[in-house]
């Protein structure tokens, strides 16, 4: 389900990503949710939620990198 605001994001996103990265995640997720609404537009067996989440994380990773020691994300 698309997110109306960043407060609705999962804790795994809110607790580790900076605000800007959260906004990127939300926008990318919502766009992918719409783009991959039809099952034939997704890989076999993948849910709409899984695809949208993959797209959102890929968008975040373009500008942010995860500090493996702390689990926090920082701008590249």
Protein backbone atom coordinates (compact mmCIF):
# COMPACT_ATOMS: atom_id res chain seq x y z
CA UNK A 1 0.00 0.00 0.00
CA UNK A 2 1.40 3.45 -0.85
CA UNK A 3 2.57 5.73 1.94
CA UNK A 4 0.92 9.13 2.51
CA UNK A 5 3.85 10.47 4.53
CA UNK A 6 7.16 9.35 6.01
CA UNK A 7 5.60 8.73 9.42
CA UNK A 8 3.84 5.71 7.86
CA UNK A 9 7.09 4.09 6.70
CA UNK A 10 8.19 0.84 8.36
CA UNK A 11 10.35 1.18 11.48
CA UNK A 12 13.25 -0.42 9.61
CA UNK A 13 13.24 2.62 7.32
CA UNK A 14 12.37 5.33 9.86
CA UNK A 15 14.88 4.19 12.46
CA UNK A 16 17.88 4.00 10.13
CA UNK A 17 17.48 6.42 7.24
CA UNK A 18 17.93 10.20 7.44
CA UNK A 19 14.84 12.28 6.62
CA UNK A 20 15.92 12.97 3.04
CA UNK A 21 16.50 9.26 2.40
CA UNK A 22 13.09 8.49 3.91
CA UNK A 23 11.49 10.90 1.44
CA UNK A 24 13.36 9.22 -1.44
CA UNK A 25 12.19 5.81 -0.23
CA UNK A 26 8.56 6.95 0.04
CA UNK A 27 8.45 8.56 -3.40
CA UNK A 28 10.20 5.66 -5.13
CA UNK A 29 7.99 3.11 -3.34
CA UNK A 30 4.78 4.91 -4.28
CA UNK A 31 5.84 5.31 -7.90
CA UNK A 32 6.83 1.63 -8.18
CA UNK A 33 3.56 0.60 -6.48
CA UNK A 34 1.66 2.21 -9.33
CA UNK A 35 4.06 1.15 -12.09
CA UNK A 36 4.01 -2.53 -11.09
CA UNK A 37 0.33 -2.79 -10.16
CA UNK A 38 -0.33 -5.43 -12.82
CA UNK A 39 1.08 -8.89 -12.03
CA UNK A 40 2.28 -9.30 -15.62
CA UNK A 41 4.59 -6.30 -15.09
CA UNK A 42 6.39 -8.09 -12.24
CA UNK A 43 8.60 -11.16 -12.15
CA UNK A 44 6.63 -14.33 -11.63
CA UNK A 45 5.55 -14.78 -8.05
CA UNK A 46 6.73 -11.38 -6.81
CA UNK A 47 4.25 -9.32 -4.85
CA UNK A 48 3.55 -5.70 -5.62
CA UNK A 49 4.86 -4.77 -2.18
CA UNK A 50 8.13 -6.67 -2.66
CA UNK A 51 8.81 -5.03 -6.01
CA UNK A 52 8.00 -1.56 -4.70
CA UNK A 53 10.31 -2.12 -1.73
CA UNK A 54 13.16 -3.30 -3.97
CA UNK A 55 12.78 -0.23 -6.17
CA UNK A 56 12.68 2.07 -3.13
CA UNK A 57 15.86 0.62 -1.62
CA UNK A 58 17.62 0.86 -4.98
CA UNK A 59 16.70 4.55 -5.15
CA UNK A 60 18.06 5.17 -1.64
CA UNK A 61 21.31 3.33 -2.46
CA UNK A 62 22.00 5.73 -5.34
CA UNK A 63 22.65 8.55 -2.85
CA UNK A 64 23.23 6.82 0.49
CA UNK A 65 25.49 4.13 1.88
CA UNK A 66 24.95 1.98 4.95
CA UNK A 67 27.49 2.04 7.79
CA UNK A 68 27.65 -1.66 8.62
CA UNK A 69 29.00 -0.97 12.10
CA UNK A 70 26.06 1.19 13.18
CA UNK A 71 23.34 0.22 10.70
CA UNK A 72 22.79 3.89 9.90
CA UNK A 73 22.74 5.32 6.39
CA UNK A 74 24.83 8.31 5.32
CA UNK A 75 25.08 10.37 2.13
CA UNK A 76 27.78 9.15 -0.24
